Amino acid sequence: MVAALQVPARELFLYEPEKSEDKHKRKAIDEHMAMINSRSIDEVNMITKISRDIFKAIDPK
Protein backbone atom coordinates (compact mmCIF):
# COMPACT_ATOMS: atom_id res chain seq x y z
CA MET A 1 0.00 0.00 0.00
CA VAL A 2 1.20 3.46 -0.82
CA ALA A 3 0.85 5.03 2.60
CA ALA A 4 0.79 8.66 1.52
CA LEU A 5 -2.06 8.05 -0.91
CA GLN A 6 -3.69 5.28 1.13
CA VAL A 7 -4.22 3.09 -1.95
CA PRO A 8 -2.68 -0.22 -2.98
CA ALA A 9 0.36 0.27 -5.23
CA ARG A 10 -1.39 -1.73 -7.98
CA GLU A 11 -4.09 0.96 -8.16
CA LEU A 12 -1.49 3.49 -9.31
CA PHE A 13 -0.88 1.51 -12.49
CA LEU A 14 -4.46 0.67 -13.42
CA TYR A 15 -5.94 2.66 -16.20
CA GLU A 16 -9.47 2.76 -17.47
CA PRO A 17 -9.50 2.30 -21.24
CA GLU A 18 -12.06 4.35 -23.10
CA LYS A 19 -13.03 1.92 -25.84
CA SER A 20 -15.32 -1.00 -25.05
CA GLU A 21 -12.90 -3.44 -26.71
CA ASP A 22 -10.08 -2.19 -24.50
CA LYS A 23 -12.25 -2.69 -21.41
CA HIS A 24 -12.92 -6.29 -22.41
CA LYS A 25 -9.22 -6.87 -23.00
CA ARG A 26 -8.33 -5.33 -19.62
CA LYS A 27 -10.93 -7.53 -17.91
CA ALA A 28 -9.48 -10.65 -19.57
CA ILE A 29 -5.93 -9.67 -18.56
CA ASP A 30 -7.05 -8.97 -14.98
CA GLU A 31 -8.79 -12.35 -14.86
CA HIS A 32 -5.63 -14.06 -16.07
CA MET A 33 -3.55 -12.24 -13.46
CA ALA A 34 -6.00 -13.27 -10.73
CA MET A 35 -5.78 -16.92 -11.81
CA ILE A 36 -1.98 -17.05 -11.73
CA ASN A 37 -1.48 -14.82 -8.69
CA SER A 38 -1.84 -17.67 -6.20
CA ARG A 39 0.28 -20.12 -8.19
CA SER A 40 3.86 -21.07 -7.43
CA ILE A 41 6.73 -19.61 -9.45
CA ASP A 42 7.21 -22.98 -11.18
CA GLU A 43 3.56 -22.99 -12.25
CA VAL A 44 3.76 -19.38 -13.45
CA ASN A 45 6.89 -20.23 -15.47
CA MET A 46 5.09 -23.22 -16.99
CA ILE A 47 2.09 -21.06 -17.92
CA THR A 48 4.45 -18.49 -19.45
CA LYS A 49 6.17 -21.17 -21.54
CA ILE A 50 2.81 -22.53 -22.72
CA SER A 51 1.68 -19.01 -23.61
CA ARG A 52 4.86 -18.41 -25.62
CA ASP A 53 4.34 -21.70 -27.46
CA ILE A 54 0.75 -20.73 -28.28
CA PHE A 55 1.83 -17.31 -29.57
CA LYS A 56 4.52 -18.91 -31.73
CA ALA A 57 1.88 -21.23 -33.21
CA ILE A 58 -0.67 -18.51 -33.96
CA ASP A 59 1.59 -15.60 -34.98
CA PRO A 60 2.45 -15.39 -38.64
CA LYS A 61 6.08 -16.04 -39.40
PDB file of N, CA and C in Angstrom:
ATOM      1  N   MET A   1       0.842  -1.176   0.000  1.00  0.00           N
ATOM      2  CA  MET A   1       0.000   0.000   0.000  1.00  0.00           C
ATOM      3  C   MET A   1       0.886   1.237   0.000  1.00  0.00           C
ATOM      4  N   VAL A   2       0.507   2.184  -0.803  1.00  0.00           N
ATOM      5  CA  VAL A   2       1.203   3.462  -0.824  1.00  0.00           C
ATOM      6  C   VAL A   2       0.598   4.286   0.308  1.00  0.00           C
ATOM      7  N   ALA A   3       1.360   4.426   1.377  1.00  0.00           N
ATOM      8  CA  ALA A   3       0.845   5.026   2.600  1.00  0.00           C
ATOM      9  C   ALA A   3       0.377   6.469   2.396  1.00  0.00           C
ATOM     10  N   ALA A   4       1.142   7.247   1.682  1.00  0.00           N
ATOM     11  CA  ALA A   4       0.788   8.661   1.525  1.00  0.00           C
ATOM     12  C   ALA A   4      -0.553   8.824   0.808  1.00  0.00           C
ATOM     13  N   LEU A   5      -0.814   7.955  -0.150  1.00  0.00           N
ATOM     14  CA  LEU A   5      -2.057   8.053  -0.910  1.00  0.00           C
ATOM     15  C   LEU A   5      -3.150   7.155  -0.351  1.00  0.00           C
ATOM     16  N   GLN A   6      -2.791   6.244   0.517  1.00  0.00           N
ATOM     17  CA  GLN A   6      -3.694   5.280   1.131  1.00  0.00           C
ATOM     18  C   GLN A   6      -4.439   4.449   0.079  1.00  0.00           C
ATOM     19  N   VAL A   7      -3.681   3.993  -0.922  1.00  0.00           N
ATOM     20  CA  VAL A   7      -4.216   3.095  -1.948  1.00  0.00           C
ATOM     21  C   VAL A   7      -3.187   2.008  -2.207  1.00  0.00           C
ATOM     22  N   PRO A   8      -3.643   0.821  -2.606  1.00  0.00           N
ATOM     23  CA  PRO A   8      -2.678  -0.218  -2.978  1.00  0.00           C
ATOM     24  C   PRO A   8      -1.824   0.257  -4.145  1.00  0.00           C
ATOM     25  N   ALA A   9      -0.560  -0.145  -4.162  1.00  0.00           N
ATOM     26  CA  ALA A   9       0.361   0.272  -5.229  1.00  0.00           C
ATOM     27  C   ALA A   9      -0.180  -0.104  -6.608  1.00  0.00           C
ATOM     28  N   ARG A  10      -0.842  -1.263  -6.700  1.00  0.00           N
ATOM     29  CA  ARG A  10      -1.393  -1.726  -7.978  1.00  0.00           C
ATOM     30  C   ARG A  10      -2.366  -0.709  -8.571  1.00  0.00           C
ATOM     31  N   GLU A  11      -3.111  -0.031  -7.702  1.00  0.00           N
ATOM     32  CA  GLU A  11      -4.089   0.956  -8.162  1.00  0.00           C
ATOM     33  C   GLU A  11      -3.431   2.107  -8.937  1.00  0.00           C
ATOM     34  N   LEU A  12      -2.178   2.403  -8.630  1.00  0.00           N
ATOM     35  CA  LEU A  12      -1.485   3.492  -9.313  1.00  0.00           C
ATOM     36  C   LEU A  12      -1.253   3.190 -10.785  1.00  0.00           C
ATOM     37  N   PHE A  13      -1.213   1.900 -11.135  1.00  0.00           N
ATOM     38  CA  PHE A  13      -0.878   1.513 -12.494  1.00  0.00           C
ATOM     39  C   PHE A  13      -2.084   1.052 -13.299  1.00  0.00           C
ATOM     40  N   LEU A  14      -3.245   1.023 -12.690  1.00  0.00           N
ATOM     41  CA  LEU A  14      -4.455   0.668 -13.422  1.00  0.00           C
ATOM     42  C   LEU A  14      -4.907   1.865 -14.243  1.00  0.00           C
ATOM     43  N   TYR A  15      -5.374   1.584 -15.422  1.00  0.00           N
ATOM     44  CA  TYR A  15      -5.941   2.664 -16.199  1.00  0.00           C
ATOM     45  C   TYR A  15      -7.264   2.191 -16.761  1.00  0.00           C
ATOM     46  N   GLU A  16      -8.161   3.089 -16.949  1.00  0.00           N
ATOM     47  CA  GLU A  16      -9.469   2.759 -17.473  1.00  0.00           C
ATOM     48  C   GLU A  16      -9.494   3.079 -18.967  1.00  0.00           C
ATOM     49  N   PRO A  17      -9.448   2.046 -19.795  1.00  0.00           N
ATOM     50  CA  PRO A  17      -9.497   2.296 -21.237  1.00  0.00           C
ATOM     51  C   PRO A  17     -10.844   2.889 -21.636  1.00  0.00           C
ATOM     52  N   GLU A  18     -10.833   3.677 -22.681  1.00  0.00           N
ATOM     53  CA  GLU A  18     -12.059   4.346 -23.097  1.00  0.00           C
ATOM     54  C   GLU A  18     -12.895   3.491 -24.027  1.00  0.00           C
ATOM     55  N   LYS A  19     -12.277   2.727 -24.891  1.00  0.00           N
ATOM     56  CA  LYS A  19     -13.025   1.919 -25.843  1.00  0.00           C
ATOM     57  C   LYS A  19     -13.528   0.646 -25.183  1.00  0.00           C
ATOM     58  N   SER A  20     -14.702   0.205 -25.600  1.00  0.00           N
ATOM     59  CA  SER A  20     -15.316  -1.004 -25.047  1.00  0.00           C
ATOM     60  C   SER A  20     -14.411  -2.213 -25.249  1.00  0.00           C
ATOM     61  N   GLU A  21     -13.794  -2.318 -26.426  1.00  0.00           N
ATOM     62  CA  GLU A  21     -12.902  -3.441 -26.712  1.00  0.00           C
ATOM     63  C   GLU A  21     -11.725  -3.458 -25.740  1.00  0.00           C
ATOM     64  N   ASP A  22     -11.190  -2.294 -25.447  1.00  0.00           N
ATOM     65  CA  ASP A  22     -10.080  -2.193 -24.504  1.00  0.00           C
ATOM     66  C   ASP A  22     -10.508  -2.623 -23.104  1.00  0.00           C
ATOM     67  N   LYS A  23     -11.739  -2.292 -22.712  1.00  0.00           N
ATOM     68  CA  LYS A  23     -12.252  -2.687 -21.407  1.00  0.00           C
ATOM     69  C   LYS A  23     -12.366  -4.204 -21.312  1.00  0.00           C
ATOM     70  N   HIS A  24     -12.815  -4.833 -22.392  1.00  0.00           N
ATOM     71  CA  HIS A  24     -12.924  -6.294 -22.406  1.00  0.00           C
ATOM     72  C   HIS A  24     -11.543  -6.936 -22.333  1.00  0.00           C
ATOM     73  N   LYS A  25     -10.589  -6.349 -23.035  1.00  0.00           N
ATOM     74  CA  LYS A  25      -9.223  -6.868 -22.999  1.00  0.00           C
ATOM     75  C   LYS A  25      -8.645  -6.722 -21.603  1.00  0.00           C
ATOM     76  N   ARG A  26      -8.834  -5.564 -20.976  1.00  0.00           N
ATOM     77  CA  ARG A  26      -8.328  -5.334 -19.623  1.00  0.00           C
ATOM     78  C   ARG A  26      -8.951  -6.318 -18.643  1.00  0.00           C
ATOM     79  N   LYS A  27     -10.239  -6.584 -18.792  1.00  0.00           N
ATOM     80  CA  LYS A  27     -10.927  -7.532 -17.913  1.00  0.00           C
ATOM     81  C   LYS A  27     -10.330  -8.929 -18.073  1.00  0.00           C
ATOM     82  N   ALA A  28     -10.072  -9.335 -19.314  1.00  0.00           N
ATOM     83  CA  ALA A  28      -9.484 -10.655 -19.568  1.00  0.00           C
ATOM     84  C   ALA A  28      -8.076 -10.741 -18.979  1.00  0.00           C
ATOM     85  N   ILE A  29      -7.293  -9.688 -19.119  1.00  0.00           N
ATOM     86  CA  ILE A  29      -5.934  -9.672 -18.560  1.00  0.00           C
ATOM     87  C   ILE A  29      -5.995  -9.726 -17.035  1.00  0.00           C
ATOM     88  N   ASP A  30      -6.904  -8.949 -16.445  1.00  0.00           N
ATOM     89  CA  ASP A  30      -7.048  -8.968 -14.981  1.00  0.00           C
ATOM     90  C   ASP A  30      -7.468 -10.349 -14.488  1.00  0.00           C
ATOM     91  N   GLU A  31      -8.364 -10.999 -15.237  1.00  0.00           N
ATOM     92  CA  GLU A  31      -8.795 -12.352 -14.859  1.00  0.00           C
ATOM     93  C   GLU A  31      -7.620 -13.325 -14.906  1.00  0.00           C
ATOM     94  N   HIS A  32      -6.810 -13.208 -15.941  1.00  0.00           N
ATOM     95  CA  HIS A  32      -5.627 -14.064 -16.073  1.00  0.00           C
ATOM     96  C   HIS A  32      -4.671 -13.828 -14.905  1.00  0.00           C
ATOM     97  N   MET A  33      -4.449 -12.573 -14.575  1.00  0.00           N
ATOM     98  CA  MET A  33      -3.554 -12.242 -13.457  1.00  0.00           C
ATOM     99  C   MET A  33      -4.093 -12.815 -12.146  1.00  0.00           C
ATOM    100  N   ALA A  34      -5.404 -12.733 -11.950  1.00  0.00           N
ATOM    101  CA  ALA A  34      -6.004 -13.266 -10.727  1.00  0.00           C
ATOM    102  C   ALA A  34      -5.818 -14.782 -10.651  1.00  0.00           C
ATOM    103  N   MET A  35      -5.926 -15.454 -11.793  1.00  0.00           N
ATOM    104  CA  MET A  35      -5.778 -16.916 -11.807  1.00  0.00           C
ATOM    105  C   MET A  35      -4.354 -17.341 -11.464  1.00  0.00           C
ATOM    106  N   ILE A  36      -3.363 -16.617 -11.950  1.00  0.00           N
ATOM    107  CA  ILE A  36      -1.981 -17.052 -11.728  1.00  0.00           C
ATOM    108  C   ILE A  36      -1.370 -16.472 -10.455  1.00  0.00           C
ATOM    109  N   ASN A  37      -2.031 -15.494  -9.860  1.00  0.00           N
ATOM    110  CA  ASN A  37      -1.484 -14.819  -8.689  1.00  0.00           C
ATOM    111  C   ASN A  37      -1.183 -15.770  -7.533  1.00  0.00           C
ATOM    112  N   SER A  38      -2.029 -16.759  -7.340  1.00  0.00           N
ATOM    113  CA  SER A  38      -1.841 -17.671  -6.202  1.00  0.00           C
ATOM    114  C   SER A  38      -1.000 -18.896  -6.549  1.00  0.00           C
ATOM    115  N   ARG A  39      -0.508 -18.961  -7.756  1.00  0.00           N
ATOM    116  CA  ARG A  39       0.284 -20.116  -8.192  1.00  0.00           C
ATOM    117  C   ARG A  39       1.752 -19.962  -7.817  1.00  0.00           C
ATOM    118  N   SER A  40       2.432 -21.093  -7.754  1.00  0.00           N
ATOM    119  CA  SER A  40       3.864 -21.069  -7.434  1.00  0.00           C
ATOM    120  C   SER A  40       4.647 -20.514  -8.624  1.00  0.00           C
ATOM    121  N   ILE A  41       5.887 -20.140  -8.375  1.00  0.00           N
ATOM    122  CA  ILE A  41       6.730 -19.608  -9.453  1.00  0.00           C
ATOM    123  C   ILE A  41       6.941 -20.653 -10.551  1.00  0.00           C
ATOM    124  N   ASP A  42       7.052 -21.917 -10.171  1.00  0.00           N
ATOM    125  CA  ASP A  42       7.206 -22.976 -11.178  1.00  0.00           C
ATOM    126  C   ASP A  42       5.973 -23.066 -12.072  1.00  0.00           C
ATOM    127  N   GLU A  43       4.798 -22.942 -11.461  1.00  0.00           N
ATOM    128  CA  GLU A  43       3.564 -22.987 -12.250  1.00  0.00           C
ATOM    129  C   GLU A  43       3.440 -21.766 -13.155  1.00  0.00           C
ATOM    130  N   VAL A  44       3.810 -20.595 -12.642  1.00  0.00           N
ATOM    131  CA  VAL A  44       3.765 -19.380 -13.455  1.00  0.00           C
ATOM    132  C   VAL A  44       4.741 -19.502 -14.625  1.00  0.00           C
ATOM    133  N   ASN A  45       5.926 -20.033 -14.377  1.00  0.00           N
ATOM    134  CA  ASN A  45       6.892 -20.232 -15.465  1.00  0.00           C
ATOM    135  C   ASN A  45       6.358 -21.208 -16.504  1.00  0.00           C
ATOM    136  N   MET A  46       5.672 -22.253 -16.059  1.00  0.00           N
ATOM    137  CA  MET A  46       5.090 -23.223 -16.994  1.00  0.00           C
ATOM    138  C   MET A  46       3.998 -22.556 -17.831  1.00  0.00           C
ATOM    139  N   ILE A  47       3.150 -21.769 -17.198  1.00  0.00           N
ATOM    140  CA  ILE A  47       2.090 -21.060 -17.916  1.00  0.00           C
ATOM    141  C   ILE A  47       2.694 -20.086 -18.922  1.00  0.00           C
ATOM    142  N   THR A  48       3.770 -19.410 -18.539  1.00  0.00           N
ATOM    143  CA  THR A  48       4.447 -18.488 -19.446  1.00  0.00           C
ATOM    144  C   THR A  48       5.009 -19.219 -20.653  1.00  0.00           C
ATOM    145  N   LYS A  49       5.625 -20.377 -20.431  1.00  0.00           N
ATOM    146  CA  LYS A  49       6.166 -21.172 -21.544  1.00  0.00           C
ATOM    147  C   LYS A  49       5.046 -21.622 -22.474  1.00  0.00           C
ATOM    148  N   ILE A  50       3.950 -22.094 -21.903  1.00  0.00           N
ATOM    149  CA  ILE A  50       2.810 -22.526 -22.721  1.00  0.00           C
ATOM    150  C   ILE A  50       2.266 -21.355 -23.535  1.00  0.00           C
ATOM    151  N   SER A  51       2.159 -20.197 -22.906  1.00  0.00           N
ATOM    152  CA  SER A  51       1.676 -19.006 -23.613  1.00  0.00           C
ATOM    153  C   SER A  51       2.594 -18.658 -24.778  1.00  0.00           C
ATOM    154  N   ARG A  52       3.903 -18.697 -24.532  1.00  0.00           N
ATOM    155  CA  ARG A  52       4.858 -18.411 -25.621  1.00  0.00           C
ATOM    156  C   ARG A  52       4.684 -19.395 -26.765  1.00  0.00           C
ATOM    157  N   ASP A  53       4.522 -20.675 -26.433  1.00  0.00           N
ATOM    158  CA  ASP A  53       4.341 -21.705 -27.464  1.00  0.00           C
ATOM    159  C   ASP A  53       3.068 -21.445 -28.265  1.00  0.00           C
ATOM    160  N   ILE A  54       2.004 -21.036 -27.591  1.00  0.00           N
ATOM    161  CA  ILE A  54       0.752 -20.725 -28.276  1.00  0.00           C
ATOM    162  C   ILE A  54       0.947 -19.536 -29.213  1.00  0.00           C
ATOM    163  N   PHE A  55       1.603 -18.483 -28.723  1.00  0.00           N
ATOM    164  CA  PHE A  55       1.832 -17.313 -29.566  1.00  0.00           C
ATOM    165  C   PHE A  55       2.690 -17.653 -30.782  1.00  0.00           C
ATOM    166  N   LYS A  56       3.698 -18.493 -30.592  1.00  0.00           N
ATOM    167  CA  LYS A  56       4.523 -18.912 -31.732  1.00  0.00           C
ATOM    168  C   LYS A  56       3.686 -19.651 -32.761  1.00  0.00           C
ATOM    169  N   ALA A  57       2.717 -20.447 -32.298  1.00  0.00           N
ATOM    170  CA  ALA A  57       1.878 -21.232 -33.207  1.00  0.00           C
ATOM    171  C   ALA A  57       0.876 -20.358 -33.948  1.00  0.00           C
ATOM    172  N   ILE A  58       0.378 -19.302 -33.319  1.00  0.00           N
ATOM    173  CA  ILE A  58      -0.669 -18.510 -33.961  1.00  0.00           C
ATOM    174  C   ILE A  58      -0.149 -17.252 -34.664  1.00  0.00           C
ATOM    175  N   ASP A  59       1.047 -16.795 -34.322  1.00  0.00           N
ATOM    176  CA  ASP A  59       1.586 -15.596 -34.979  1.00  0.00           C
ATOM    177  C   ASP A  59       2.144 -15.976 -36.326  1.00  0.00           C
ATOM    178  N   PRO A  60       1.874 -15.123 -37.320  1.00  0.00           N
ATOM    179  CA  PRO A  60       2.450 -15.392 -38.637  1.00  0.00           C
ATOM    180  C   PRO A  60       3.974 -15.255 -38.581  1.00  0.00           C
ATOM    181  N   LYS A  61       4.609 -16.043 -39.351  1.00  0.00           N
ATOM    182  CA  LYS A  61       6.083 -16.043 -39.395  1.00  0.00           C
ATOM    183  C   LYS A  61       6.589 -14.904 -40.235  1.00  0.00           C
TER     184      LYS A  61
END
